[in-house]
Amino acid sequence: MRKIALNAIRQPANLSIDSNLMREAKGLDVNVSRAAEAGIAEAVAAEKTRLWKLENRATMDAWNDYIDKAGIPLEEYRQF
């Protein structure tokens, strides 16, 4: 999980949030800005991972094909 810098420069943003959820969050003293920032950071990380997998799919497929045909390199030295 990505750590959010407490001293980062913040940018104001307008968000539309379910009013019941907002009321509940306020009642529980949830810092809505930090919670939103954490959720956005998680979404950004997930999208970066998804894109990396798409961009590197051919390489991963080629490596998997190699392993299927030739086996794991140095497999005879594995201790497990």
PDB file of N, CA and C in Angstrom:
ATOM      1  N   MET A   1       0.836  -1.180   0.000  1.00  0.00           N
ATOM      2  CA  MET A   1       0.000   0.000   0.000  1.00  0.00           C
ATOM      3  C   MET A   1       0.877   1.238   0.000  1.00  0.00           C
ATOM      4  N   ARG A   2       0.530   2.199  -0.790  1.00  0.00           N
ATOM      5  CA  ARG A   2       1.301   3.434  -0.933  1.00  0.00           C
ATOM      6  C   ARG A   2       1.095   4.322   0.284  1.00  0.00           C
ATOM      7  N   LYS A   3       2.205   4.857   0.801  1.00  0.00           N
ATOM      8  CA  LYS A   3       2.089   5.815   1.894  1.00  0.00           C
ATOM      9  C   LYS A   3       1.779   7.184   1.317  1.00  0.00           C
ATOM     10  N   ILE A   4       0.925   7.909   1.995  1.00  0.00           N
ATOM     11  CA  ILE A   4       0.550   9.245   1.565  1.00  0.00           C
ATOM     12  C   ILE A   4       1.353  10.246   2.382  1.00  0.00           C
ATOM     13  N   ALA A   5       2.072  11.105   1.707  1.00  0.00           N
ATOM     14  CA  ALA A   5       2.905  12.093   2.390  1.00  0.00           C
ATOM     15  C   ALA A   5       2.017  13.130   3.073  1.00  0.00           C
ATOM     16  N   LEU A   6       2.234  13.290   4.365  1.00  0.00           N
ATOM     17  CA  LEU A   6       1.433  14.258   5.107  1.00  0.00           C
ATOM     18  C   LEU A   6       1.801  15.690   4.755  1.00  0.00           C
ATOM     19  N   ASN A   7       3.030  15.889   4.268  1.00  0.00           N
ATOM     20  CA  ASN A   7       3.477  17.242   3.936  1.00  0.00           C
ATOM     21  C   ASN A   7       3.378  17.544   2.432  1.00  0.00           C
ATOM     22  N   ALA A   8       2.675  16.706   1.687  1.00  0.00           N
ATOM     23  CA  ALA A   8       2.537  16.925   0.247  1.00  0.00           C
ATOM     24  C   ALA A   8       1.698  18.178  -0.014  1.00  0.00           C
ATOM     25  N   ILE A   9       1.956  18.789  -1.134  1.00  0.00           N
ATOM     26  CA  ILE A   9       1.156  19.951  -1.536  1.00  0.00           C
ATOM     27  C   ILE A   9      -0.224  19.445  -1.936  1.00  0.00           C
ATOM     28  N   ARG A  10      -1.234  19.998  -1.338  1.00  0.00           N
ATOM     29  CA  ARG A  10      -2.596  19.568  -1.586  1.00  0.00           C
ATOM     30  C   ARG A  10      -3.278  20.467  -2.607  1.00  0.00           C
ATOM     31  N   GLN A  11      -4.155  19.892  -3.388  1.00  0.00           N
ATOM     32  CA  GLN A  11      -4.931  20.623  -4.389  1.00  0.00           C
ATOM     33  C   GLN A  11      -6.403  20.454  -4.067  1.00  0.00           C
ATOM     34  N   PRO A  12      -7.143  21.535  -3.945  1.00  0.00           N
ATOM     35  CA  PRO A  12      -8.581  21.409  -3.676  1.00  0.00           C
ATOM     36  C   PRO A  12      -9.279  20.691  -4.830  1.00  0.00           C
ATOM     37  N   ALA A  13     -10.311  19.920  -4.476  1.00  0.00           N
ATOM     38  CA  ALA A  13     -11.078  19.200  -5.492  1.00  0.00           C
ATOM     39  C   ALA A  13     -12.537  19.142  -5.062  1.00  0.00           C
ATOM     40  N   ASN A  14     -13.414  19.220  -6.017  1.00  0.00           N
ATOM     41  CA  ASN A  14     -14.846  19.066  -5.750  1.00  0.00           C
ATOM     42  C   ASN A  14     -15.225  17.630  -6.059  1.00  0.00           C
ATOM     43  N   LEU A  15     -15.838  16.977  -5.080  1.00  0.00           N
ATOM     44  CA  LEU A  15     -16.248  15.591  -5.250  1.00  0.00           C
ATOM     45  C   LEU A  15     -17.719  15.453  -4.920  1.00  0.00           C
ATOM     46  N   SER A  16     -18.374  14.552  -5.589  1.00  0.00           N
ATOM     47  CA  SER A  16     -19.749  14.210  -5.250  1.00  0.00           C
ATOM     48  C   SER A  16     -19.716  12.884  -4.510  1.00  0.00           C
ATOM     49  N   ILE A  17     -20.211  12.900  -3.273  1.00  0.00           N
ATOM     50  CA  ILE A  17     -20.168  11.713  -2.422  1.00  0.00           C
ATOM     51  C   ILE A  17     -21.569  11.450  -1.897  1.00  0.00           C
ATOM     52  N   ASP A  18     -21.941  10.199  -1.829  1.00  0.00           N
ATOM     53  CA  ASP A  18     -23.226   9.789  -1.290  1.00  0.00           C
ATOM     54  C   ASP A  18     -23.462  10.488   0.052  1.00  0.00           C
ATOM     55  N   SER A  19     -24.595  11.155   0.187  1.00  0.00           N
ATOM     56  CA  SER A  19     -24.866  11.962   1.383  1.00  0.00           C
ATOM     57  C   SER A  19     -24.959  11.106   2.644  1.00  0.00           C
ATOM     58  N   ASN A  20     -25.498   9.909   2.542  1.00  0.00           N
ATOM     59  CA  ASN A  20     -25.554   9.029   3.714  1.00  0.00           C
ATOM     60  C   ASN A  20     -24.159   8.607   4.163  1.00  0.00           C
ATOM     61  N   LEU A  21     -23.307   8.303   3.201  1.00  0.00           N
ATOM     62  CA  LEU A  21     -21.932   7.926   3.508  1.00  0.00           C
ATOM     63  C   LEU A  21     -21.194   9.096   4.142  1.00  0.00           C
ATOM     64  N   MET A  22     -21.403  10.280   3.622  1.00  0.00           N
ATOM     65  CA  MET A  22     -20.744  11.472   4.158  1.00  0.00           C
ATOM     66  C   MET A  22     -21.201  11.730   5.594  1.00  0.00           C
ATOM     67  N   ARG A  23     -22.467  11.591   5.839  1.00  0.00           N
ATOM     68  CA  ARG A  23     -23.002  11.808   7.188  1.00  0.00           C
ATOM     69  C   ARG A  23     -22.407  10.780   8.160  1.00  0.00           C
ATOM     70  N   GLU A  24     -22.330   9.537   7.715  1.00  0.00           N
ATOM     71  CA  GLU A  24     -21.759   8.490   8.557  1.00  0.00           C
ATOM     72  C   GLU A  24     -20.279   8.739   8.833  1.00  0.00           C
ATOM     73  N   ALA A  25     -19.540   9.138   7.804  1.00  0.00           N
ATOM     74  CA  ALA A  25     -18.117   9.422   7.967  1.00  0.00           C
ATOM     75  C   ALA A  25     -17.900  10.563   8.964  1.00  0.00           C
ATOM     76  N   LYS A  26     -18.669  11.620   8.840  1.00  0.00           N
ATOM     77  CA  LYS A  26     -18.553  12.745   9.771  1.00  0.00           C
ATOM     78  C   LYS A  26     -18.892  12.312  11.189  1.00  0.00           C
ATOM     79  N   GLY A  27     -19.933  11.464  11.333  1.00  0.00           N
ATOM     80  CA  GLY A  27     -20.307  10.969  12.648  1.00  0.00           C
ATOM     81  C   GLY A  27     -19.231  10.123  13.297  1.00  0.00           C
ATOM     82  N   LEU A  28     -18.407   9.492  12.476  1.00  0.00           N
ATOM     83  CA  LEU A  28     -17.318   8.655  12.975  1.00  0.00           C
ATOM     84  C   LEU A  28     -15.980   9.392  13.010  1.00  0.00           C
ATOM     85  N   ASP A  29     -16.014  10.696  12.748  1.00  0.00           N
ATOM     86  CA  ASP A  29     -14.797  11.527  12.719  1.00  0.00           C
ATOM     87  C   ASP A  29     -13.755  11.019  11.717  1.00  0.00           C
ATOM     88  N   VAL A  30     -14.235  10.519  10.590  1.00  0.00           N
ATOM     89  CA  VAL A  30     -13.327  10.099   9.513  1.00  0.00           C
ATOM     90  C   VAL A  30     -12.857  11.340   8.781  1.00  0.00           C
ATOM     91  N   ASN A  31     -11.559  11.442   8.559  1.00  0.00           N
ATOM     92  CA  ASN A  31     -11.010  12.533   7.763  1.00  0.00           C
ATOM     93  C   ASN A  31     -11.325  12.202   6.300  1.00  0.00           C
ATOM     94  N   VAL A  32     -12.363  12.813   5.787  1.00  0.00           N
ATOM     95  CA  VAL A  32     -12.866  12.471   4.457  1.00  0.00           C
ATOM     96  C   VAL A  32     -11.831  12.789   3.376  1.00  0.00           C
ATOM     97  N   SER A  33     -11.125  13.886   3.530  1.00  0.00           N
ATOM     98  CA  SER A  33     -10.110  14.231   2.534  1.00  0.00           C
ATOM     99  C   SER A  33      -9.019  13.177   2.469  1.00  0.00           C
ATOM    100  N   ARG A  34      -8.536  12.742   3.628  1.00  0.00           N
ATOM    101  CA  ARG A  34      -7.475  11.730   3.650  1.00  0.00           C
ATOM    102  C   ARG A  34      -8.013  10.383   3.156  1.00  0.00           C
ATOM    103  N   ALA A  35      -9.245  10.060   3.529  1.00  0.00           N
ATOM    104  CA  ALA A  35      -9.840   8.804   3.078  1.00  0.00           C
ATOM    105  C   ALA A  35     -10.004   8.804   1.556  1.00  0.00           C
ATOM    106  N   ALA A  36     -10.455   9.924   1.015  1.00  0.00           N
ATOM    107  CA  ALA A  36     -10.597  10.030  -0.444  1.00  0.00           C
ATOM    108  C   ALA A  36      -9.235   9.928  -1.113  1.00  0.00           C
ATOM    109  N   GLU A  37      -8.248  10.595  -0.539  1.00  0.00           N
ATOM    110  CA  GLU A  37      -6.893  10.553  -1.096  1.00  0.00           C
ATOM    111  C   GLU A  37      -6.352   9.128  -1.085  1.00  0.00           C
ATOM    112  N   ALA A  38      -6.581   8.392   0.013  1.00  0.00           N
ATOM    113  CA  ALA A  38      -6.124   7.008   0.088  1.00  0.00           C
ATOM    114  C   ALA A  38      -6.827   6.147  -0.958  1.00  0.00           C
ATOM    115  N   GLY A  39      -8.119   6.357  -1.131  1.00  0.00           N
ATOM    116  CA  GLY A  39      -8.861   5.598  -2.137  1.00  0.00           C
ATOM    117  C   GLY A  39      -8.401   5.900  -3.550  1.00  0.00           C
ATOM    118  N   ILE A  40      -8.124   7.162  -3.822  1.00  0.00           N
ATOM    119  CA  ILE A  40      -7.626   7.552  -5.149  1.00  0.00           C
ATOM    120  C   ILE A  40      -6.244   6.963  -5.383  1.00  0.00           C
ATOM    121  N   ALA A  41      -5.387   7.009  -4.352  1.00  0.00           N
ATOM    122  CA  ALA A  41      -4.047   6.438  -4.474  1.00  0.00           C
ATOM    123  C   ALA A  41      -4.120   4.942  -4.774  1.00  0.00           C
ATOM    124  N   GLU A  42      -5.039   4.248  -4.116  1.00  0.00           N
ATOM    125  CA  GLU A  42      -5.219   2.823  -4.357  1.00  0.00           C
ATOM    126  C   GLU A  42      -5.709   2.565  -5.781  1.00  0.00           C
ATOM    127  N   ALA A  43      -6.635   3.380  -6.259  1.00  0.00           N
ATOM    128  CA  ALA A  43      -7.150   3.230  -7.624  1.00  0.00           C
ATOM    129  C   ALA A  43      -6.060   3.501  -8.655  1.00  0.00           C
ATOM    130  N   VAL A  44      -5.231   4.501  -8.402  1.00  0.00           N
ATOM    131  CA  VAL A  44      -4.125   4.823  -9.316  1.00  0.00           C
ATOM    132  C   VAL A  44      -3.130   3.662  -9.362  1.00  0.00           C
ATOM    133  N   ALA A  45      -2.791   3.112  -8.198  1.00  0.00           N
ATOM    134  CA  ALA A  45      -1.855   1.987  -8.153  1.00  0.00           C
ATOM    135  C   ALA A  45      -2.419   0.779  -8.894  1.00  0.00           C
ATOM    136  N   ALA A  46      -3.699   0.499  -8.706  1.00  0.00           N
ATOM    137  CA  ALA A  46      -4.324  -0.638  -9.393  1.00  0.00           C
ATOM    138  C   ALA A  46      -4.314  -0.434 -10.906  1.00  0.00           C
ATOM    139  N   GLU A  47      -4.585   0.782 -11.343  1.00  0.00           N
ATOM    140  CA  GLU A  47      -4.595   1.048 -12.791  1.00  0.00           C
ATOM    141  C   GLU A  47      -3.184   0.958 -13.369  1.00  0.00           C
ATOM    142  N   LYS A  48      -2.185   1.443 -12.635  1.00  0.00           N
ATOM    143  CA  LYS A  48      -0.796   1.324 -13.103  1.00  0.00           C
ATOM    144  C   LYS A  48      -0.406  -0.147 -13.234  1.00  0.00           C
ATOM    145  N   THR A  49      -0.818  -0.962 -12.275  1.00  0.00           N
ATOM    146  CA  THR A  49      -0.533  -2.401 -12.333  1.00  0.00           C
ATOM    147  C   THR A  49      -1.205  -3.031 -13.538  1.00  0.00           C
ATOM    148  N   ARG A  50      -2.475  -2.692 -13.762  1.00  0.00           N
ATOM    149  CA  ARG A  50      -3.206  -3.236 -14.903  1.00  0.00           C
ATOM    150  C   ARG A  50      -2.529  -2.860 -16.220  1.00  0.00           C
ATOM    151  N   LEU A  51      -2.132  -1.588 -16.341  1.00  0.00           N
ATOM    152  CA  LEU A  51      -1.477  -1.138 -17.567  1.00  0.00           C
ATOM    153  C   LEU A  51      -0.119  -1.805 -17.758  1.00  0.00           C
ATOM    154  N   TRP A  52       0.651  -1.968 -16.658  1.00  0.00           N
ATOM    155  CA  TRP A  52       1.952  -2.626 -16.754  1.00  0.00           C
ATOM    156  C   TRP A  52       1.772  -4.044 -17.276  1.00  0.00           C
ATOM    157  N   LYS A  53       0.767  -4.754 -16.753  1.00  0.00           N
ATOM    158  CA  LYS A  53       0.517  -6.129 -17.197  1.00  0.00           C
ATOM    159  C   LYS A  53       0.147  -6.174 -18.673  1.00  0.00           C
ATOM    160  N   LEU A  54      -0.651  -5.215 -19.135  1.00  0.00           N
ATOM    161  CA  LEU A  54      -1.001  -5.162 -20.560  1.00  0.00           C
ATOM    162  C   LEU A  54       0.225  -4.890 -21.415  1.00  0.00           C
ATOM    163  N   GLU A  55       1.042  -3.928 -20.988  1.00  0.00           N
ATOM    164  CA  GLU A  55       2.223  -3.544 -21.765  1.00  0.00           C
ATOM    165  C   GLU A  55       3.271  -4.644 -21.802  1.00  0.00           C
ATOM    166  N   ASN A  56       3.309  -5.489 -20.788  1.00  0.00           N
ATOM    167  CA  ASN A  56       4.345  -6.513 -20.686  1.00  0.00           C
ATOM    168  C   ASN A  56       3.821  -7.922 -20.918  1.00  0.00           C
ATOM    169  N   ARG A  57       2.596  -8.025 -21.392  1.00  0.00           N
ATOM    170  CA  ARG A  57       1.977  -9.336 -21.605  1.00  0.00           C
ATOM    171  C   ARG A  57       2.788 -10.201 -22.563  1.00  0.00           C
ATOM    172  N   ALA A  58       3.265  -9.630 -23.649  1.00  0.00           N
ATOM    173  CA  ALA A  58       4.012 -10.423 -24.639  1.00  0.00           C
ATOM    174  C   ALA A  58       5.273 -11.016 -24.021  1.00  0.00           C
ATOM    175  N   THR A  59       5.975 -10.232 -23.221  1.00  0.00           N
ATOM    176  CA  THR A  59       7.196 -10.714 -22.570  1.00  0.00           C
ATOM    177  C   THR A  59       6.870 -11.820 -21.571  1.00  0.00           C
ATOM    178  N   MET A  60       5.837 -11.618 -20.781  1.00  0.00           N
ATOM    179  CA  MET A  60       5.450 -12.636 -19.803  1.00  0.00           C
ATOM    180  C   MET A  60       5.006 -13.916 -20.495  1.00  0.00           C
ATOM    181  N   ASP A  61       4.246 -13.795 -21.583  1.00  0.00           N
ATOM    182  CA  ASP A  61       3.819 -14.971 -22.335  1.00  0.00           C
ATOM    183  C   ASP A  61       5.011 -15.704 -22.935  1.00  0.00           C
ATOM    184  N   ALA A  62       5.963 -14.954 -23.464  1.00  0.00           N
ATOM    185  CA  ALA A  62       7.163 -15.566 -24.049  1.00  0.00           C
ATOM    186  C   ALA A  62       7.958 -16.308 -22.972  1.00  0.00           C
ATOM    187  N   TRP A  63       8.078 -15.706 -21.801  1.00  0.00           N
ATOM    188  CA  TRP A  63       8.814 -16.355 -20.714  1.00  0.00           C
ATOM    189  C   TRP A  63       8.081 -17.624 -20.269  1.00  0.00           C
ATOM    190  N   ASN A  64       6.772 -17.555 -20.149  1.00  0.00           N
ATOM    191  CA  ASN A  64       6.001 -18.740 -19.768  1.00  0.00           C
ATOM    192  C   ASN A  64       6.123 -19.850 -20.812  1.00  0.00           C
ATOM    193  N   ASP A  65       6.128 -19.491 -22.087  1.00  0.00           N
ATOM    194  CA  ASP A  65       6.317 -20.479 -23.150  1.00  0.00           C
ATOM    195  C   ASP A  65       7.693 -21.131 -23.039  1.00  0.00           C
ATOM    196  N   TYR A  66       8.700 -20.307 -22.757  1.00  0.00           N
ATOM    197  CA  TYR A  66      10.066 -20.833 -22.596  1.00  0.00           C
ATOM    198  C   TYR A  66      10.112 -21.833 -21.441  1.00  0.00           C
ATOM    199  N   ILE A  67       9.510 -21.483 -20.315  1.00  0.00           N
ATOM    200  CA  ILE A  67       9.505 -22.369 -19.145  1.00  0.00           C
ATOM    201  C   ILE A  67       8.770 -23.676 -19.469  1.00  0.00           C
ATOM    202  N   ASP A  68       7.662 -23.564 -20.205  1.00  0.00           N
ATOM    203  CA  ASP A  68       6.911 -24.764 -20.578  1.00  0.00           C
ATOM    204  C   ASP A  68       7.748 -25.695 -21.447  1.00  0.00           C
ATOM    205  N   LYS A  69       8.551 -25.131 -22.331  1.00  0.00           N
ATOM    206  CA  LYS A  69       9.344 -25.939 -23.269  1.00  0.00           C
ATOM    207  C   LYS A  69      10.667 -26.404 -22.673  1.00  0.00           C
ATOM    208  N   ALA A  70      11.369 -25.516 -21.957  1.00  0.00           N
ATOM    209  CA  ALA A  70      12.722 -25.813 -21.506  1.00  0.00           C
ATOM    210  C   ALA A  70      12.817 -26.097 -20.006  1.00  0.00           C
ATOM    211  N   GLY A  71      11.769 -25.821 -19.288  1.00  0.00           N
ATOM    212  CA  GLY A  71      11.830 -26.000 -17.837  1.00  0.00           C
ATOM    213  C   GLY A  71      12.410 -24.761 -17.160  1.00  0.00           C
ATOM    214  N   ILE A  72      12.438 -24.821 -15.851  1.00  0.00           N
ATOM    215  CA  ILE A  72      12.950 -23.691 -15.069  1.00  0.00           C
ATOM    216  C   ILE A  72      14.470 -23.703 -15.100  1.00  0.00           C
ATOM    217  N   PRO A  73      15.099 -22.577 -15.446  1.00  0.00           N
ATOM    218  CA  PRO A  73      16.561 -22.533 -15.464  1.00  0.00           C
ATOM    219  C   PRO A  73      17.128 -22.893 -14.085  1.00  0.00           C
ATOM    220  N   LEU A  74      18.179 -23.699 -14.079  1.00  0.00           N
ATOM    221  CA  LEU A  74      18.882 -24.110 -12.859  1.00  0.00           C
ATOM    222  C   LEU A  74      17.985 -24.876 -11.885  1.00  0.00           C
ATOM    223  N   GLU A  75      16.951 -25.513 -12.411  1.00  0.00           N
ATOM    224  CA  GLU A  75      16.007 -26.222 -11.557  1.00  0.00           C
ATOM    225  C   GLU A  75      16.684 -27.306 -10.722  1.00  0.00           C
ATOM    226  N   GLU A  76      17.731 -27.901 -11.259  1.00  0.00           N
ATOM    227  CA  GLU A  76      18.403 -28.988 -10.519  1.00  0.00           C
ATOM    228  C   GLU A  76      19.070 -28.497  -9.225  1.00  0.00           C
ATOM    229  N   TYR A  77      19.235 -27.179  -9.102  1.00  0.00           N
ATOM    230  CA  TYR A  77      19.871 -26.636  -7.899  1.00  0.00           C
ATOM    231  C   TYR A  77      18.863 -26.130  -6.866  1.00  0.00           C
ATOM    232  N   ARG A  78      17.590 -26.236  -7.185  1.00  0.00           N
ATOM    233  CA  ARG A  78      16.569 -25.758  -6.248  1.00  0.00           C
ATOM    234  C   ARG A  78      16.553 -26.574  -4.984  1.00  0.00           C
ATOM    235  N   GLN A  79      16.330 -25.931  -3.868  1.00  0.00           N
ATOM    236  CA  GLN A  79      16.290 -26.593  -2.569  1.00  0.00           C
ATOM    237  C   GLN A  79      14.859 -26.884  -2.121  1.00  0.00           C
ATOM    238  N   PHE A  80      13.873 -26.572  -2.974  1.00  0.00           N
ATOM    239  CA  PHE A  80      12.472 -26.776  -2.588  1.00  0.00           C
ATOM    240  C   PHE A  80      11.700 -27.454  -3.678  1.00  0.00           C
TER     241      PHE A  80
END
